[in-house]
Amino acid sequence: MSIVIWFTGMSGSGKTTLGKRLVEHFETQGLRVTHLDGDAIRQISGNTDFSRAGRERNIDSVRAHLLAHAGDQDVSIVSAITPYDNMRAKNRAAVPGYFEVFCRCTLDALIARDPKGLYKAALAGKIRNFTGIDDPFEEPGRPDVVVDTAAESIEESLAAILGAIAPLLRAKA
């Protein structure tokens, strides 16, 4: 069974960046690894519904994909906002080897970073149901590890994640 490292956090918090870096790390270890990114999944599925129900359907489909392909990888990495507690609870209950990483970042830092211009558009009312602006992000109550991407370097965050996941990797070996 695969270990599933699920990154949650608001847009621009570093989920995809850290996920890609973990893919590189695990590949150098000779592990079979895949990375599912929320933006890419939405493009492939054509799901542009950012309502609560639309977001839940999107995460349900990611979860279903992971479960269907559980034996194909040693490590599966998901980078998806996953803004609601009930989504993450479903993940934890249904996905064996689930390991949750919360990329915490202040809204001020996210707005300043804003690599895709999404916060600017949401604040101007051009994007509706934007997480952290007019749709909530429910901060995880019990993630397996928290990285503060506004205060930590990518390397510091990676070290924290690898340190926290090490017992699961040893148990799998």
N, C-alpha and C. Protein backbone atom coordinates (compact mmCIF):
# COMPACT_ATOMS: atom_id res chain seq x y z
N MET A 1 0.85 -1.19 0.00
CA MET A 1 0.00 0.00 0.00
C MET A 1 0.88 1.24 0.00
N SER A 2 0.46 2.18 -0.74
CA SER A 2 1.15 3.45 -0.89
C SER A 2 1.00 4.33 0.34
N ILE A 3 1.99 5.14 0.58
CA ILE A 3 1.86 6.24 1.53
C ILE A 3 1.29 7.40 0.73
N VAL A 4 0.30 8.09 1.27
CA VAL A 4 -0.32 9.22 0.58
C VAL A 4 -0.01 10.48 1.38
N ILE A 5 0.80 11.34 0.81
CA ILE A 5 1.13 12.62 1.43
C ILE A 5 0.22 13.66 0.80
N TRP A 6 -0.71 14.17 1.61
CA TRP A 6 -1.74 15.09 1.09
C TRP A 6 -1.46 16.49 1.62
N PHE A 7 -1.09 17.39 0.71
CA PHE A 7 -0.85 18.79 1.06
C PHE A 7 -2.16 19.55 1.02
N THR A 8 -2.46 20.26 2.09
CA THR A 8 -3.62 21.13 2.15
C THR A 8 -3.15 22.53 2.53
N GLY A 9 -3.84 23.53 2.06
CA GLY A 9 -3.50 24.91 2.35
C GLY A 9 -4.09 25.79 1.27
N MET A 10 -4.08 27.07 1.50
CA MET A 10 -4.70 28.00 0.55
C MET A 10 -3.85 28.14 -0.71
N SER A 11 -4.45 28.71 -1.73
CA SER A 11 -3.77 28.92 -3.01
C SER A 11 -2.49 29.73 -2.78
N GLY A 12 -1.39 29.24 -3.34
CA GLY A 12 -0.12 29.95 -3.22
C GLY A 12 0.66 29.63 -1.96
N SER A 13 0.18 28.69 -1.15
CA SER A 13 0.85 28.40 0.13
C SER A 13 2.05 27.49 0.00
N GLY A 14 2.32 26.94 -1.19
CA GLY A 14 3.50 26.12 -1.39
C GLY A 14 3.24 24.63 -1.57
N LYS A 15 1.98 24.25 -1.69
CA LYS A 15 1.63 22.83 -1.80
C LYS A 15 2.29 22.17 -3.01
N THR A 16 2.14 22.78 -4.17
CA THR A 16 2.68 22.20 -5.39
C THR A 16 4.20 22.22 -5.39
N THR A 17 4.78 23.32 -4.97
CA THR A 17 6.24 23.43 -4.91
C THR A 17 6.82 22.34 -4.02
N LEU A 18 6.26 22.19 -2.82
CA LEU A 18 6.77 21.17 -1.90
C LEU A 18 6.49 19.77 -2.43
N GLY A 19 5.33 19.57 -3.05
CA GLY A 19 5.01 18.27 -3.63
C GLY A 19 6.02 17.88 -4.70
N LYS A 20 6.35 18.80 -5.58
CA LYS A 20 7.32 18.53 -6.64
C LYS A 20 8.70 18.21 -6.06
N ARG A 21 9.08 18.93 -5.04
CA ARG A 21 10.38 18.67 -4.41
C ARG A 21 10.41 17.30 -3.75
N LEU A 22 9.28 16.88 -3.16
CA LEU A 22 9.22 15.54 -2.58
C LEU A 22 9.29 14.46 -3.66
N VAL A 23 8.65 14.70 -4.79
CA VAL A 23 8.74 13.75 -5.91
C VAL A 23 10.21 13.55 -6.27
N GLU A 24 10.94 14.64 -6.44
CA GLU A 24 12.37 14.56 -6.78
C GLU A 24 13.13 13.78 -5.72
N HIS A 25 12.87 14.07 -4.46
CA HIS A 25 13.55 13.38 -3.37
C HIS A 25 13.28 11.88 -3.40
N PHE A 26 12.01 11.51 -3.51
CA PHE A 26 11.66 10.08 -3.47
C PHE A 26 12.16 9.34 -4.71
N GLU A 27 12.17 10.01 -5.85
CA GLU A 27 12.70 9.35 -7.05
C GLU A 27 14.18 9.04 -6.90
N THR A 28 14.93 9.93 -6.24
CA THR A 28 16.35 9.65 -6.03
C THR A 28 16.54 8.48 -5.06
N GLN A 29 15.52 8.17 -4.29
CA GLN A 29 15.56 7.03 -3.36
C GLN A 29 15.11 5.74 -4.05
N GLY A 30 14.75 5.83 -5.32
CA GLY A 30 14.32 4.67 -6.07
C GLY A 30 12.88 4.26 -5.82
N LEU A 31 12.08 5.17 -5.24
CA LEU A 31 10.68 4.86 -4.97
C LEU A 31 9.81 5.21 -6.18
N ARG A 32 8.73 4.45 -6.33
CA ARG A 32 7.72 4.76 -7.34
C ARG A 32 6.82 5.85 -6.73
N VAL A 33 6.75 6.99 -7.41
CA VAL A 33 6.03 8.13 -6.84
C VAL A 33 5.22 8.83 -7.92
N THR A 34 4.06 9.33 -7.50
CA THR A 34 3.23 10.12 -8.40
C THR A 34 2.78 11.38 -7.67
N HIS A 35 2.48 12.42 -8.43
CA HIS A 35 2.04 13.68 -7.85
C HIS A 35 0.76 14.12 -8.55
N LEU A 36 -0.31 14.24 -7.78
CA LEU A 36 -1.58 14.74 -8.30
C LEU A 36 -1.74 16.17 -7.80
N ASP A 37 -1.84 17.11 -8.73
CA ASP A 37 -1.96 18.52 -8.38
C ASP A 37 -3.38 18.99 -8.64
N GLY A 38 -3.96 19.71 -7.69
CA GLY A 38 -5.34 20.16 -7.78
C GLY A 38 -5.63 20.95 -9.04
N ASP A 39 -4.74 21.85 -9.44
CA ASP A 39 -4.96 22.65 -10.65
C ASP A 39 -4.99 21.74 -11.89
N ALA A 40 -4.05 20.81 -11.97
CA ALA A 40 -3.99 19.91 -13.12
C ALA A 40 -5.21 19.00 -13.16
N ILE A 41 -5.64 18.53 -12.01
CA ILE A 41 -6.82 17.66 -11.93
C ILE A 41 -8.04 18.40 -12.45
N ARG A 42 -8.20 19.64 -12.05
CA ARG A 42 -9.35 20.43 -12.52
C ARG A 42 -9.29 20.64 -14.04
N GLN A 43 -8.10 20.87 -14.57
CA GLN A 43 -7.98 21.06 -16.02
C GLN A 43 -8.36 19.79 -16.77
N ILE A 44 -7.90 18.65 -16.28
CA ILE A 44 -8.19 17.38 -16.93
C ILE A 44 -9.68 17.05 -16.84
N SER A 45 -10.25 17.25 -15.64
CA SER A 45 -11.65 16.88 -15.43
C SER A 45 -12.62 17.91 -16.00
N GLY A 46 -12.13 19.13 -16.21
CA GLY A 46 -13.00 20.20 -16.67
C GLY A 46 -13.92 20.73 -15.59
N ASN A 47 -13.66 20.36 -14.34
CA ASN A 47 -14.50 20.80 -13.22
C ASN A 47 -14.12 22.23 -12.83
N THR A 48 -14.96 23.16 -13.21
CA THR A 48 -14.71 24.57 -12.86
C THR A 48 -15.71 25.06 -11.83
N ASP A 49 -16.39 24.13 -11.19
CA ASP A 49 -17.39 24.47 -10.18
C ASP A 49 -16.68 24.63 -8.83
N PHE A 50 -16.57 25.86 -8.37
CA PHE A 50 -15.89 26.13 -7.11
C PHE A 50 -16.86 26.30 -5.95
N SER A 51 -18.10 25.85 -6.14
CA SER A 51 -19.04 25.82 -5.02
C SER A 51 -18.54 24.77 -4.04
N ARG A 52 -19.11 24.76 -2.85
CA ARG A 52 -18.74 23.74 -1.87
C ARG A 52 -18.96 22.33 -2.44
N ALA A 53 -20.11 22.12 -3.07
CA ALA A 53 -20.41 20.80 -3.65
C ALA A 53 -19.43 20.45 -4.76
N GLY A 54 -19.07 21.42 -5.59
CA GLY A 54 -18.11 21.19 -6.66
C GLY A 54 -16.74 20.84 -6.13
N ARG A 55 -16.33 21.55 -5.09
CA ARG A 55 -15.03 21.26 -4.47
C ARG A 55 -15.03 19.85 -3.87
N GLU A 56 -16.13 19.49 -3.22
CA GLU A 56 -16.21 18.17 -2.60
C GLU A 56 -16.19 17.07 -3.66
N ARG A 57 -16.87 17.28 -4.78
CA ARG A 57 -16.83 16.30 -5.88
C ARG A 57 -15.41 16.14 -6.40
N ASN A 58 -14.70 17.24 -6.53
CA ASN A 58 -13.33 17.19 -7.03
C ASN A 58 -12.44 16.36 -6.10
N ILE A 59 -12.53 16.63 -4.80
CA ILE A 59 -11.70 15.88 -3.84
C ILE A 59 -12.15 14.43 -3.77
N ASP A 60 -13.44 14.18 -3.87
CA ASP A 60 -13.93 12.79 -3.91
C ASP A 60 -13.32 12.04 -5.09
N SER A 61 -13.20 12.69 -6.24
CA SER A 61 -12.64 12.03 -7.42
C SER A 61 -11.15 11.76 -7.25
N VAL A 62 -10.44 12.67 -6.60
CA VAL A 62 -9.02 12.45 -6.32
C VAL A 62 -8.86 11.25 -5.39
N ARG A 63 -9.68 11.22 -4.34
CA ARG A 63 -9.63 10.12 -3.38
C ARG A 63 -9.94 8.79 -4.07
N ALA A 64 -10.96 8.77 -4.92
CA ALA A 64 -11.32 7.55 -5.64
C ALA A 64 -10.16 7.08 -6.53
N HIS A 65 -9.51 8.01 -7.19
CA HIS A 65 -8.36 7.67 -8.04
C HIS A 65 -7.25 7.04 -7.20
N LEU A 66 -6.96 7.65 -6.06
CA LEU A 66 -5.91 7.10 -5.18
C LEU A 66 -6.25 5.68 -4.75
N LEU A 67 -7.48 5.47 -4.35
CA LEU A 67 -7.88 4.14 -3.88
C LEU A 67 -7.83 3.11 -5.01
N ALA A 68 -8.19 3.52 -6.21
CA ALA A 68 -8.17 2.61 -7.35
C ALA A 68 -6.76 2.22 -7.75
N HIS A 69 -5.80 3.09 -7.48
CA HIS A 69 -4.41 2.86 -7.91
C HIS A 69 -3.46 2.72 -6.73
N ALA A 70 -3.98 2.31 -5.58
CA ALA A 70 -3.19 2.28 -4.34
C ALA A 70 -1.93 1.44 -4.44
N GLY A 71 -1.95 0.36 -5.16
CA GLY A 71 -0.78 -0.50 -5.23
C GLY A 71 0.22 -0.11 -6.30
N ASP A 72 -0.09 0.89 -7.10
CA ASP A 72 0.77 1.25 -8.23
C ASP A 72 2.00 2.06 -7.82
N GLN A 73 1.95 2.70 -6.67
CA GLN A 73 3.03 3.60 -6.26
C GLN A 73 3.49 3.27 -4.84
N ASP A 74 4.73 3.65 -4.53
CA ASP A 74 5.20 3.57 -3.15
C ASP A 74 4.71 4.80 -2.38
N VAL A 75 4.75 5.94 -3.06
CA VAL A 75 4.32 7.20 -2.46
C VAL A 75 3.45 7.95 -3.46
N SER A 76 2.29 8.38 -3.01
CA SER A 76 1.43 9.25 -3.80
C SER A 76 1.36 10.59 -3.10
N ILE A 77 1.53 11.65 -3.87
CA ILE A 77 1.52 13.00 -3.31
C ILE A 77 0.36 13.76 -3.96
N VAL A 78 -0.43 14.41 -3.12
CA VAL A 78 -1.55 15.21 -3.61
C VAL A 78 -1.35 16.64 -3.11
N SER A 79 -1.46 17.59 -4.01
CA SER A 79 -1.42 19.01 -3.68
C SER A 79 -2.76 19.59 -4.07
N ALA A 80 -3.64 19.76 -3.09
CA ALA A 80 -4.99 20.26 -3.36
C ALA A 80 -5.47 21.06 -2.16
N ILE A 81 -6.06 22.20 -2.39
CA ILE A 81 -6.47 23.09 -1.31
C ILE A 81 -7.20 22.35 -0.20
N THR A 82 -8.18 21.52 -0.55
CA THR A 82 -8.94 20.70 0.41
C THR A 82 -9.37 21.56 1.60
N PRO A 83 -10.24 22.54 1.37
CA PRO A 83 -10.49 23.58 2.37
C PRO A 83 -11.37 23.21 3.55
N TYR A 84 -12.10 22.09 3.48
CA TYR A 84 -13.09 21.82 4.51
C TYR A 84 -12.70 20.62 5.37
N ASP A 85 -13.01 20.72 6.66
CA ASP A 85 -12.72 19.64 7.60
C ASP A 85 -13.30 18.31 7.16
N ASN A 86 -14.55 18.32 6.65
CA ASN A 86 -15.18 17.06 6.29
C ASN A 86 -14.42 16.35 5.16
N MET A 87 -13.82 17.09 4.26
CA MET A 87 -13.03 16.50 3.17
C MET A 87 -11.82 15.76 3.74
N ARG A 88 -11.12 16.44 4.64
CA ARG A 88 -9.92 15.84 5.21
C ARG A 88 -10.26 14.66 6.11
N ALA A 89 -11.40 14.73 6.80
CA ALA A 89 -11.85 13.60 7.63
C ALA A 89 -12.16 12.38 6.75
N LYS A 90 -12.81 12.62 5.60
CA LYS A 90 -13.08 11.52 4.66
C LYS A 90 -11.76 10.91 4.17
N ASN A 91 -10.80 11.76 3.86
CA ASN A 91 -9.50 11.26 3.41
C ASN A 91 -8.88 10.36 4.47
N ARG A 92 -8.83 10.86 5.69
CA ARG A 92 -8.19 10.12 6.78
C ARG A 92 -8.89 8.78 7.01
N ALA A 93 -10.22 8.76 6.92
CA ALA A 93 -10.98 7.54 7.16
C ALA A 93 -10.85 6.54 6.01
N ALA A 94 -10.73 7.02 4.78
CA ALA A 94 -10.81 6.14 3.62
C ALA A 94 -9.47 5.76 3.01
N VAL A 95 -8.45 6.58 3.19
CA VAL A 95 -7.19 6.39 2.48
C VAL A 95 -6.14 5.79 3.40
N PRO A 96 -5.81 4.52 3.19
CA PRO A 96 -4.73 3.91 3.99
C PRO A 96 -3.41 4.65 3.74
N GLY A 97 -2.62 4.82 4.76
CA GLY A 97 -1.33 5.49 4.62
C GLY A 97 -1.43 7.00 4.46
N TYR A 98 -2.58 7.57 4.85
CA TYR A 98 -2.81 9.01 4.68
C TYR A 98 -1.95 9.80 5.66
N PHE A 99 -1.25 10.79 5.13
CA PHE A 99 -0.38 11.66 5.92
C PHE A 99 -0.65 13.09 5.46
N GLU A 100 -1.18 13.91 6.36
CA GLU A 100 -1.63 15.26 6.00
C GLU A 100 -0.59 16.32 6.36
N VAL A 101 -0.25 17.14 5.37
CA VAL A 101 0.67 18.26 5.55
C VAL A 101 -0.13 19.55 5.36
N PHE A 102 -0.16 20.36 6.38
CA PHE A 102 -0.83 21.67 6.29
C PHE A 102 0.22 22.73 6.00
N CYS A 103 0.08 23.38 4.84
CA CYS A 103 0.95 24.49 4.47
C CYS A 103 0.28 25.77 4.98
N ARG A 104 0.67 26.18 6.15
CA ARG A 104 0.12 27.39 6.76
C ARG A 104 0.86 28.59 6.19
N CYS A 105 0.09 29.61 5.85
CA CYS A 105 0.66 30.84 5.33
C CYS A 105 -0.35 31.95 5.61
N THR A 106 0.11 33.06 6.07
CA THR A 106 -0.81 34.15 6.38
C THR A 106 -1.44 34.70 5.09
N LEU A 107 -2.65 35.20 5.22
CA LEU A 107 -3.32 35.79 4.07
C LEU A 107 -2.51 36.96 3.51
N ASP A 108 -1.92 37.76 4.38
CA ASP A 108 -1.10 38.89 3.90
C ASP A 108 0.06 38.39 3.03
N ALA A 109 0.71 37.30 3.46
CA ALA A 109 1.83 36.75 2.67
C ALA A 109 1.32 36.19 1.35
N LEU A 110 0.16 35.53 1.38
CA LEU A 110 -0.40 34.97 0.15
C LEU A 110 -0.77 36.07 -0.85
N ILE A 111 -1.34 37.15 -0.34
CA ILE A 111 -1.70 38.27 -1.21
C ILE A 111 -0.45 38.92 -1.79
N ALA A 112 0.60 39.04 -0.98
CA ALA A 112 1.85 39.62 -1.47
C ALA A 112 2.52 38.71 -2.50
N ARG A 113 2.45 37.41 -2.27
CA ARG A 113 3.05 36.41 -3.16
C ARG A 113 2.27 36.32 -4.47
N ASP A 114 1.01 36.04 -4.39
CA ASP A 114 0.02 35.96 -5.47
C ASP A 114 0.60 35.68 -6.86
N PRO A 115 1.25 34.52 -7.06
CA PRO A 115 1.93 34.25 -8.33
C PRO A 115 1.00 34.19 -9.54
N LYS A 116 -0.25 33.86 -9.34
CA LYS A 116 -1.19 33.73 -10.46
C LYS A 116 -2.15 34.93 -10.56
N GLY A 117 -2.02 35.90 -9.65
CA GLY A 117 -2.92 37.06 -9.66
C GLY A 117 -4.33 36.73 -9.18
N LEU A 118 -4.50 35.59 -8.54
CA LEU A 118 -5.84 35.16 -8.12
C LEU A 118 -6.39 35.96 -6.94
N TYR A 119 -5.54 36.28 -5.98
CA TYR A 119 -6.01 37.06 -4.83
C TYR A 119 -6.44 38.45 -5.27
N LYS A 120 -5.64 39.04 -6.15
CA LYS A 120 -5.99 40.37 -6.67
C LYS A 120 -7.36 40.32 -7.35
N ALA A 121 -7.58 39.30 -8.18
CA ALA A 121 -8.85 39.16 -8.89
C ALA A 121 -10.00 38.89 -7.91
N ALA A 122 -9.76 38.04 -6.92
CA ALA A 122 -10.81 37.73 -5.93
C ALA A 122 -11.16 38.95 -5.11
N LEU A 123 -10.16 39.70 -4.69
CA LEU A 123 -10.42 40.91 -3.89
C LEU A 123 -11.16 41.97 -4.71
N ALA A 124 -10.98 41.95 -6.03
CA ALA A 124 -11.68 42.89 -6.92
C ALA A 124 -13.06 42.37 -7.30
N GLY A 125 -13.44 41.19 -6.80
CA GLY A 125 -14.74 40.62 -7.10
C GLY A 125 -14.83 39.92 -8.45
N LYS A 126 -13.70 39.68 -9.09
CA LYS A 126 -13.69 39.04 -10.40
C LYS A 126 -13.72 37.51 -10.31
N ILE A 127 -13.36 36.98 -9.14
CA ILE A 127 -13.44 35.54 -8.89
C ILE A 127 -14.32 35.35 -7.67
N ARG A 128 -15.31 34.49 -7.80
CA ARG A 128 -16.22 34.20 -6.69
C ARG A 128 -15.84 32.86 -6.05
N ASN A 129 -16.23 32.69 -4.80
CA ASN A 129 -15.96 31.46 -4.04
C ASN A 129 -14.47 31.16 -3.95
N PHE A 130 -13.68 32.20 -3.75
CA PHE A 130 -12.24 32.02 -3.66
C PHE A 130 -11.85 31.74 -2.22
N THR A 131 -11.17 30.62 -2.02
CA THR A 131 -10.79 30.19 -0.68
C THR A 131 -9.96 31.26 0.03
N GLY A 132 -10.42 31.61 1.23
CA GLY A 132 -9.72 32.58 2.05
C GLY A 132 -10.21 34.00 1.87
N ILE A 133 -10.98 34.23 0.80
CA ILE A 133 -11.52 35.56 0.55
C ILE A 133 -13.03 35.55 0.80
N ASP A 134 -13.79 34.88 -0.06
CA ASP A 134 -15.24 34.81 0.18
C ASP A 134 -15.74 33.37 0.33
N ASP A 135 -14.82 32.45 0.52
CA ASP A 135 -15.14 31.06 0.85
C ASP A 135 -14.13 30.65 1.93
N PRO A 136 -14.58 29.93 2.94
CA PRO A 136 -13.69 29.65 4.07
C PRO A 136 -12.61 28.62 3.77
N PHE A 137 -11.52 28.75 4.46
CA PHE A 137 -10.55 27.67 4.58
C PHE A 137 -10.57 27.28 6.06
N GLU A 138 -11.04 26.08 6.33
CA GLU A 138 -11.12 25.59 7.70
C GLU A 138 -9.77 24.98 8.05
N GLU A 139 -9.03 25.67 8.91
CA GLU A 139 -7.70 25.21 9.25
C GLU A 139 -7.76 23.81 9.86
N PRO A 140 -6.91 22.89 9.38
CA PRO A 140 -6.95 21.53 9.89
C PRO A 140 -6.71 21.46 11.40
N GLY A 141 -7.50 20.63 12.06
CA GLY A 141 -7.38 20.47 13.50
C GLY A 141 -6.28 19.52 13.93
N ARG A 142 -5.97 18.54 13.07
CA ARG A 142 -4.96 17.56 13.46
C ARG A 142 -4.15 17.06 12.27
N PRO A 143 -3.47 17.97 11.58
CA PRO A 143 -2.60 17.50 10.49
C PRO A 143 -1.42 16.73 11.08
N ASP A 144 -0.79 15.92 10.25
CA ASP A 144 0.37 15.16 10.72
C ASP A 144 1.60 16.05 10.85
N VAL A 145 1.67 17.09 10.05
CA VAL A 145 2.75 18.07 10.18
C VAL A 145 2.24 19.40 9.63
N VAL A 146 2.72 20.48 10.24
CA VAL A 146 2.42 21.84 9.80
C VAL A 146 3.72 22.49 9.37
N VAL A 147 3.72 23.07 8.18
CA VAL A 147 4.86 23.87 7.76
C VAL A 147 4.36 25.30 7.58
N ASP A 148 5.12 26.25 8.06
CA ASP A 148 4.75 27.66 7.95
C ASP A 148 5.52 28.25 6.78
N THR A 149 4.89 28.25 5.62
CA THR A 149 5.60 28.63 4.41
C THR A 149 5.85 30.13 4.28
N ALA A 150 5.25 30.91 5.16
CA ALA A 150 5.56 32.35 5.17
C ALA A 150 6.85 32.60 5.94
N ALA A 151 7.18 31.72 6.88
CA ALA A 151 8.33 31.93 7.75
C ALA A 151 9.50 31.00 7.45
N GLU A 152 9.22 29.86 6.80
CA GLU A 152 10.26 28.86 6.56
C GLU A 152 10.69 28.88 5.09
N SER A 153 11.93 28.49 4.86
CA SER A 153 12.39 28.27 3.48
C SER A 153 11.82 26.94 2.99
N ILE A 154 11.88 26.73 1.70
CA ILE A 154 11.44 25.46 1.13
C ILE A 154 12.23 24.32 1.76
N GLU A 155 13.51 24.50 1.94
CA GLU A 155 14.35 23.46 2.51
C GLU A 155 13.96 23.15 3.96
N GLU A 156 13.62 24.18 4.73
CA GLU A 156 13.19 23.95 6.11
C GLU A 156 11.87 23.19 6.16
N SER A 157 10.95 23.57 5.29
CA SER A 157 9.67 22.87 5.23
C SER A 157 9.86 21.42 4.80
N LEU A 158 10.69 21.18 3.78
CA LEU A 158 10.96 19.81 3.33
C LEU A 158 11.58 18.98 4.45
N ALA A 159 12.51 19.56 5.17
CA ALA A 159 13.15 18.82 6.28
C ALA A 159 12.12 18.44 7.34
N ALA A 160 11.20 19.34 7.64
CA ALA A 160 10.16 19.05 8.63
C ALA A 160 9.25 17.91 8.14
N ILE A 161 8.89 17.96 6.87
CA ILE A 161 8.02 16.92 6.31
C ILE A 161 8.74 15.57 6.30
N LEU A 162 9.97 15.56 5.81
CA LEU A 162 10.73 14.30 5.75
C LEU A 162 10.97 13.73 7.14
N GLY A 163 11.23 14.60 8.11
CA GLY A 163 11.41 14.13 9.49
C GLY A 163 10.14 13.51 10.03
N ALA A 164 9.00 14.11 9.74
CA ALA A 164 7.73 13.61 10.25
C ALA A 164 7.29 12.33 9.54
N ILE A 165 7.63 12.20 8.26
CA ILE A 165 7.20 11.02 7.48
C ILE A 165 8.16 9.84 7.64
N ALA A 166 9.35 10.09 8.16
CA ALA A 166 10.38 9.05 8.24
C ALA A 166 9.89 7.75 8.93
N PRO A 167 9.16 7.83 10.03
CA PRO A 167 8.69 6.57 10.64
C PRO A 167 7.80 5.74 9.72
N LEU A 168 6.95 6.40 8.93
CA LEU A 168 6.10 5.66 7.98
C LEU A 168 6.92 5.02 6.88
N LEU A 169 7.94 5.72 6.41
CA LEU A 169 8.80 5.18 5.36
C LEU A 169 9.61 3.99 5.87
N ARG A 170 10.09 4.09 7.12
CA ARG A 170 10.84 2.96 7.71
C ARG A 170 9.93 1.76 7.88
N ALA A 171 8.68 1.99 8.31
CA ALA A 171 7.73 0.89 8.52
C ALA A 171 7.39 0.22 7.18
N LYS A 172 7.39 1.00 6.11
CA LYS A 172 7.05 0.46 4.79
C LYS A 172 8.20 -0.37 4.22
N ALA A 173 9.43 0.00 4.57
CA ALA A 173 10.62 -0.66 3.99
C ALA A 173 10.75 -2.11 4.42
